[in-house]
Amino acid sequence: MAGNPPGTTCSDKLGPNWVDAGTTCRSRCSRPGPGGTSPDAECQEPEHGGYLWETATGEWVFSEFPRPTTDLKPPGPRIQMSIKIDEKNLAVGKARYTGAKHLNKYIAIHPGGPGNAGTPIIHCNIEFRIEVNGRPVPMTERRVRYWGIKFAPGATVANGGKWEVDRAAGAVPVGDAPSAEDAPGMNFTTRPSGSTGDMHEFLAGTSRYGGFYYQEVTMYDPDGTARVMVYNLGRLDAKQFADAIRRIGSGADRHACLFEGELTEDSKDSDSGILTDIPDNAKRKKIPSK
């Protein structure tokens, strides 16, 4: 009846049935509960956008929040990895590049060298970033090893001739400090008699969250024509990264890469193109030719 609170309407027993005098109630009512198909069903109150749910003690609560869920696992860390290749010269003023003259973002000439002509260093530029829940974390691991490059007869960097990685001698490991910015490359302390180069494979990251893998190819002609390329860049989760660190530290797979991939146009992530800065500057006598 209008104006009455919800609950039992019939309170007296008149004759064989439960009936209140002056009403048309024919049977006893039970207390209303939430809508739904089961006693613990949860319903949303349209007007207020809230929720009605039953507590562990059997009380019904109206709240703006749904019933708490206790069977979900707490969320794990949100890990984001990014890498930038050759966006800027990361070698300036760093380590072995201190005091070097930079012809472009790929070529540095270190003072001294054979005949005081300077030592060319051909390099790429890699910037790593790992964020956990929006905060950057430092790199704690870096591993490097390399193989030589063999050119086919008559092939050079300048003419784009054929070349391949020389795996017969096995990989040579090189130690290095971890860093979020890297300018890996090859020093030419002596002038080669023919076209030459190296293929490096790199691991960089953190054992807790994972990291990156990539291969860098640097090539050099006797006159200084050069080229640097990055291949097979990949992101590794913590388990993959830990396994790669273990394998490279054990000396296993000396004749194969940790993550084998063809060095093709499809697997190439960056390419400097053919760099003629050294021979061009030598012709203009800005740097010695020998």
Protein backbone atom coordinates (compact mmCIF):
# COMPACT_ATOMS: atom_id res chain seq x y z
CA MET A 1 0.00 0.00 0.00
CA ALA A 2 1.21 3.53 -0.74
CA GLY A 3 3.15 5.16 2.06
CA ASN A 4 3.96 1.90 3.83
CA PRO A 5 7.60 0.75 4.14
CA PRO A 6 8.58 -2.42 2.32
CA GLY A 7 8.13 -5.59 4.35
CA THR A 8 5.33 -7.78 5.57
CA THR A 9 1.91 -6.42 4.66
CA CYS A 10 -0.23 -9.01 6.42
CA SER A 11 0.26 -9.25 10.15
CA ASP A 12 -2.95 -10.78 11.51
CA LYS A 13 -4.50 -14.21 11.09
CA LEU A 14 -8.22 -13.96 10.47
CA GLY A 15 -9.83 -17.29 9.85
CA PRO A 16 -7.79 -19.87 7.85
CA ASN A 17 -5.76 -17.22 5.96
CA TRP A 18 -3.34 -14.43 6.78
CA VAL A 19 -5.30 -11.26 6.05
CA ASP A 20 -5.22 -7.67 7.33
CA ALA A 21 -8.59 -6.19 7.87
CA GLY A 22 -9.53 -3.83 5.06
CA THR A 23 -6.94 -5.22 2.63
CA THR A 24 -7.08 -7.58 -0.29
CA CYS A 25 -3.93 -9.48 0.74
CA ARG A 26 -4.50 -13.23 0.45
CA SER A 27 -1.17 -14.59 1.74
CA ARG A 28 1.81 -13.64 3.88
CA CYS A 29 4.60 -11.66 2.10
CA SER A 30 8.33 -12.09 2.53
CA ARG A 31 10.84 -9.26 2.77
CA PRO A 32 11.96 -8.03 -0.68
CA GLY A 33 15.56 -8.66 -1.72
CA PRO A 34 17.81 -7.72 -4.65
CA GLY A 35 16.83 -8.43 -8.24
CA GLY A 36 18.51 -11.27 -10.06
CA THR A 37 18.37 -15.02 -10.35
CA SER A 38 20.19 -15.94 -7.13
CA PRO A 39 20.37 -14.60 -3.58
CA ASP A 40 23.92 -13.29 -4.10
CA ALA A 41 23.11 -11.68 -7.44
CA GLU A 42 24.40 -8.16 -7.88
CA CYS A 43 22.20 -5.49 -9.37
CA GLN A 44 22.83 -1.95 -10.51
CA GLU A 45 20.50 0.79 -9.36
CA PRO A 46 19.73 2.76 -12.53
CA GLU A 47 19.09 6.13 -10.96
CA HIS A 48 22.32 6.36 -8.98
CA GLY A 49 24.56 4.03 -11.02
CA GLY A 50 25.51 2.07 -7.89
CA TYR A 51 25.59 -1.58 -6.90
CA LEU A 52 23.72 -3.66 -4.33
CA TRP A 53 25.71 -6.59 -3.03
CA GLU A 54 25.71 -8.95 -0.07
CA THR A 55 28.56 -8.91 2.43
CA ALA A 56 30.18 -11.96 4.00
CA THR A 57 27.99 -11.44 7.08
CA GLY A 58 24.78 -11.52 5.02
CA GLU A 59 24.14 -7.79 5.06
CA TRP A 60 23.08 -6.00 1.89
CA VAL A 61 25.12 -2.93 0.96
CA PHE A 62 24.41 -0.27 -1.63
CA SER A 63 27.67 1.16 -3.03
CA GLU A 64 29.02 3.02 -6.02
CA PHE A 65 31.54 0.18 -6.40
CA PRO A 66 30.84 -3.44 -7.43
CA ARG A 67 31.30 -6.31 -5.00
CA PRO A 68 35.02 -6.79 -4.20
CA THR A 69 36.66 -9.70 -6.00
CA THR A 70 39.14 -11.72 -3.97
CA ASP A 71 40.10 -14.43 -6.46
CA LEU A 72 42.13 -12.23 -8.86
CA LYS A 73 45.93 -12.24 -8.78
CA PRO A 74 47.57 -8.86 -8.20
CA PRO A 75 48.65 -7.28 -11.51
CA GLY A 76 52.29 -7.79 -12.51
CA PRO A 77 54.64 -4.99 -13.52
CA ARG A 78 53.84 -3.17 -16.76
CA ILE A 79 57.03 -3.43 -18.84
CA GLN A 80 57.62 -1.28 -21.91
CA MET A 81 60.70 -1.57 -24.11
CA SER A 82 61.74 0.82 -26.88
CA ILE A 83 64.81 1.28 -29.02
CA LYS A 84 65.99 4.05 -31.33
CA ILE A 85 68.56 3.45 -34.05
CA ASP A 86 70.75 6.17 -35.62
CA GLU A 87 68.47 9.04 -34.65
CA LYS A 88 71.48 11.04 -33.45
CA ASN A 89 75.23 10.70 -32.89
CA LEU A 90 75.69 9.04 -29.49
CA ALA A 91 79.48 8.81 -29.72
CA VAL A 92 80.37 12.44 -29.02
CA GLY A 93 82.61 12.67 -25.96
CA LYS A 94 82.06 9.04 -24.96
CA ALA A 95 84.87 6.68 -23.90
CA ARG A 96 87.09 5.83 -26.88
CA TYR A 97 85.54 8.67 -28.88
CA THR A 98 86.91 11.35 -26.54
CA GLY A 99 88.78 13.92 -28.61
CA ALA A 100 87.64 12.42 -31.92
CA LYS A 101 86.56 14.41 -34.95
CA HIS A 102 83.12 13.38 -36.20
CA LEU A 103 82.61 13.44 -39.94
CA ASN A 104 78.95 12.41 -39.50
CA LYS A 105 76.94 10.34 -37.03
CA TYR A 106 78.57 7.13 -38.29
CA ILE A 107 82.26 8.04 -38.67
CA ALA A 108 84.69 9.34 -36.05
CA ILE A 109 88.42 9.98 -36.58
CA HIS A 110 90.40 9.50 -33.40
CA PRO A 111 93.69 11.46 -33.10
CA GLY A 112 96.90 9.56 -33.77
CA GLY A 113 96.92 6.28 -35.60
CA PRO A 114 99.22 5.02 -38.37
CA GLY A 115 101.33 7.87 -39.77
CA ASN A 116 99.40 10.24 -37.51
CA ALA A 117 96.56 9.96 -40.03
CA GLY A 118 94.02 9.28 -37.31
CA THR A 119 92.12 6.12 -36.50
CA PRO A 120 88.71 5.76 -38.19
CA ILE A 121 85.90 4.31 -36.07
CA ILE A 122 82.81 3.23 -37.97
CA HIS A 123 79.80 2.92 -35.68
CA CYS A 124 76.01 2.92 -35.36
CA ASN A 125 73.96 4.59 -32.62
CA ILE A 126 71.63 2.62 -30.37
CA GLU A 127 69.45 4.06 -27.61
CA PHE A 128 67.65 1.61 -25.31
CA ARG A 129 64.83 2.29 -22.89
CA ILE A 130 63.06 -0.05 -20.49
CA GLU A 131 60.23 1.30 -18.34
CA VAL A 132 58.52 -0.57 -15.52
CA ASN A 133 55.19 0.93 -14.49
CA GLY A 134 56.17 4.14 -16.28
CA ARG A 135 59.60 4.50 -14.65
CA PRO A 136 62.91 3.93 -16.49
CA VAL A 137 65.22 1.22 -15.18
CA PRO A 138 68.99 1.10 -15.83
CA MET A 139 70.70 -1.43 -18.08
CA THR A 140 72.61 -3.96 -15.98
CA GLU A 141 73.87 -6.40 -18.62
CA ARG A 142 75.72 -6.08 -21.92
CA ARG A 143 77.41 -8.84 -23.88
CA VAL A 144 79.21 -8.63 -27.22
CA ARG A 145 80.93 -11.06 -29.53
CA TYR A 146 81.95 -10.79 -33.17
CA TRP A 147 82.90 -12.60 -36.36
CA GLY A 148 84.87 -11.34 -39.35
CA ILE A 149 83.37 -10.46 -42.75
CA LYS A 150 84.64 -12.07 -45.98
CA PHE A 151 84.18 -10.32 -49.34
CA ALA A 152 83.80 -12.18 -52.61
CA PRO A 153 86.61 -11.69 -55.16
CA GLY A 154 86.38 -8.17 -56.60
CA ALA A 155 83.69 -7.10 -54.13
CA THR A 156 84.08 -3.89 -52.15
CA VAL A 157 81.98 -1.69 -49.92
CA ALA A 158 81.91 0.94 -52.66
CA ASN A 159 80.56 -1.36 -55.38
CA GLY A 160 78.10 -3.15 -53.07
CA GLY A 161 79.64 -6.54 -53.84
CA LYS A 162 78.81 -9.80 -52.10
CA TRP A 163 80.04 -10.58 -48.61
CA GLU A 164 79.35 -13.11 -45.87
CA VAL A 165 80.07 -13.70 -42.19
CA ASP A 166 83.16 -15.87 -41.63
CA ARG A 167 82.04 -18.30 -38.96
CA ALA A 168 84.90 -20.78 -39.35
CA ALA A 169 87.14 -19.19 -36.74
CA GLY A 170 84.34 -18.88 -34.19
CA ALA A 171 83.04 -15.87 -32.29
CA VAL A 172 85.35 -13.62 -30.28
CA PRO A 173 83.77 -12.36 -27.00
CA VAL A 174 84.34 -8.75 -25.97
CA GLY A 175 83.56 -7.30 -22.53
CA ASP A 176 81.84 -3.94 -22.20
CA ALA A 177 79.96 -1.87 -19.65
CA PRO A 178 76.15 -1.65 -19.84
CA SER A 179 74.61 1.63 -20.91
CA ALA A 180 71.28 2.96 -22.16
CA GLU A 181 73.14 4.72 -25.00
CA ASP A 182 75.61 2.89 -27.18
CA ALA A 183 77.75 3.63 -30.24
CA PRO A 184 79.21 0.21 -31.10
CA GLY A 185 81.56 -0.03 -34.05
CA MET A 186 84.94 -1.09 -35.41
CA ASN A 187 88.34 0.60 -35.09
CA PHE A 188 90.75 0.47 -38.02
CA THR A 189 94.14 0.84 -36.34
CA THR A 190 95.91 -0.31 -39.51
CA ARG A 191 94.95 0.28 -43.11
CA PRO A 192 93.54 -3.00 -44.53
CA SER A 193 94.90 -4.38 -47.79
CA GLY A 194 91.38 -5.14 -49.01
CA SER A 195 87.76 -4.66 -48.06
CA THR A 196 87.03 -5.97 -44.59
CA GLY A 197 84.52 -5.83 -41.75
CA ASP A 198 82.98 -7.37 -38.66
CA MET A 199 79.59 -8.68 -37.61
CA HIS A 200 78.85 -8.06 -33.92
CA GLU A 201 75.97 -9.56 -31.95
CA PHE A 202 74.80 -7.70 -28.88
CA LEU A 203 72.75 -8.38 -25.78
CA ALA A 204 71.72 -5.40 -23.67
CA GLY A 205 69.16 -5.14 -20.88
CA THR A 206 68.40 -6.24 -17.35
CA SER A 207 68.16 -9.77 -16.01
CA ARG A 208 64.99 -8.91 -14.10
CA TYR A 209 62.88 -7.52 -16.93
CA GLY A 210 64.53 -8.64 -20.20
CA GLY A 211 66.29 -6.70 -22.94
CA PHE A 212 67.33 -6.48 -26.57
CA TYR A 213 69.26 -8.45 -29.15
CA TYR A 214 70.67 -7.17 -32.44
CA GLN A 215 73.44 -7.72 -34.98
CA GLU A 216 75.63 -4.92 -36.32
CA VAL A 217 77.70 -5.15 -39.52
CA THR A 218 80.51 -2.63 -40.12
CA MET A 219 82.51 -2.65 -43.37
CA TYR A 220 85.47 -0.68 -44.62
CA ASP A 221 87.45 -0.29 -47.90
CA PRO A 222 91.16 0.57 -47.91
CA ASP A 223 90.40 4.14 -49.03
CA GLY A 224 87.99 4.64 -46.13
CA THR A 225 84.66 4.04 -47.87
CA ALA A 226 82.46 2.56 -45.15
CA ARG A 227 79.02 1.21 -44.31
CA VAL A 228 77.22 0.18 -41.11
CA MET A 229 73.98 -1.82 -40.84
CA VAL A 230 71.81 -3.23 -38.04
CA TYR A 231 69.97 -6.54 -38.47
CA ASN A 232 67.56 -8.83 -36.61
CA LEU A 233 66.64 -6.49 -33.77
CA GLY A 234 64.49 -8.27 -31.20
CA ARG A 235 63.06 -7.79 -27.72
CA LEU A 236 63.58 -10.55 -25.15
CA ASP A 237 61.53 -11.24 -22.03
CA ALA A 238 63.34 -11.96 -18.75
CA LYS A 239 63.51 -15.73 -19.34
CA GLN A 240 64.79 -15.40 -22.92
CA PHE A 241 67.34 -12.78 -21.88
CA ALA A 242 68.66 -14.86 -18.97
CA ASP A 243 69.05 -17.89 -21.25
CA ALA A 244 70.92 -15.82 -23.87
CA ILE A 245 73.27 -14.43 -21.20
CA ARG A 246 73.96 -17.97 -19.98
CA ARG A 247 74.66 -19.27 -23.48
CA ILE A 248 76.97 -16.46 -24.47
CA GLY A 249 78.84 -16.75 -21.16
CA SER A 250 79.34 -20.49 -21.54
CA GLY A 251 81.16 -20.11 -24.84
CA ALA A 252 78.62 -22.32 -26.58
CA ASP A 253 77.51 -21.77 -30.18
CA ARG A 254 80.79 -20.10 -31.15
CA HIS A 255 80.07 -20.79 -34.80
CA ALA A 256 76.43 -19.67 -34.75
CA CYS A 257 74.55 -16.64 -33.51
CA LEU A 258 72.42 -16.84 -30.38
CA PHE A 259 69.36 -16.05 -32.49
CA GLU A 260 70.06 -17.13 -36.03
CA GLY A 261 68.61 -14.93 -38.73
CA GLU A 262 69.47 -14.22 -42.33
CA LEU A 263 71.25 -10.95 -43.06
CA THR A 264 68.83 -9.81 -45.74
CA GLU A 265 67.00 -6.64 -46.71
CA ASP A 266 63.92 -7.95 -44.92
CA SER A 267 65.81 -8.41 -41.63
CA LYS A 268 67.63 -5.07 -41.85
CA ASP A 269 66.62 -2.47 -39.25
CA SER A 270 69.04 0.34 -40.19
CA ASP A 271 71.51 1.13 -42.99
CA SER A 272 73.90 4.07 -43.22
CA GLY A 273 74.27 3.57 -46.95
CA ILE A 274 77.71 3.80 -48.59
CA LEU A 275 79.72 6.45 -46.73
CA THR A 276 82.43 8.23 -48.76
CA ASP A 277 83.24 10.95 -46.22
CA ILE A 278 86.80 9.74 -45.55
CA PRO A 279 87.95 9.55 -49.21
CA ASP A 280 86.05 12.76 -50.03
CA ASN A 281 87.74 14.64 -47.21
CA ALA A 282 91.11 13.14 -48.17
CA LYS A 283 90.70 14.49 -51.70
CA ARG A 284 90.01 17.94 -50.28
CA LYS A 285 93.00 17.41 -47.96
CA LYS A 286 90.93 17.99 -44.86
CA ILE A 287 92.24 14.74 -43.38
CA PRO A 288 95.40 12.81 -44.35
CA SER A 289 94.93 10.03 -46.89
CA LYS A 290 97.57 7.82 -45.28
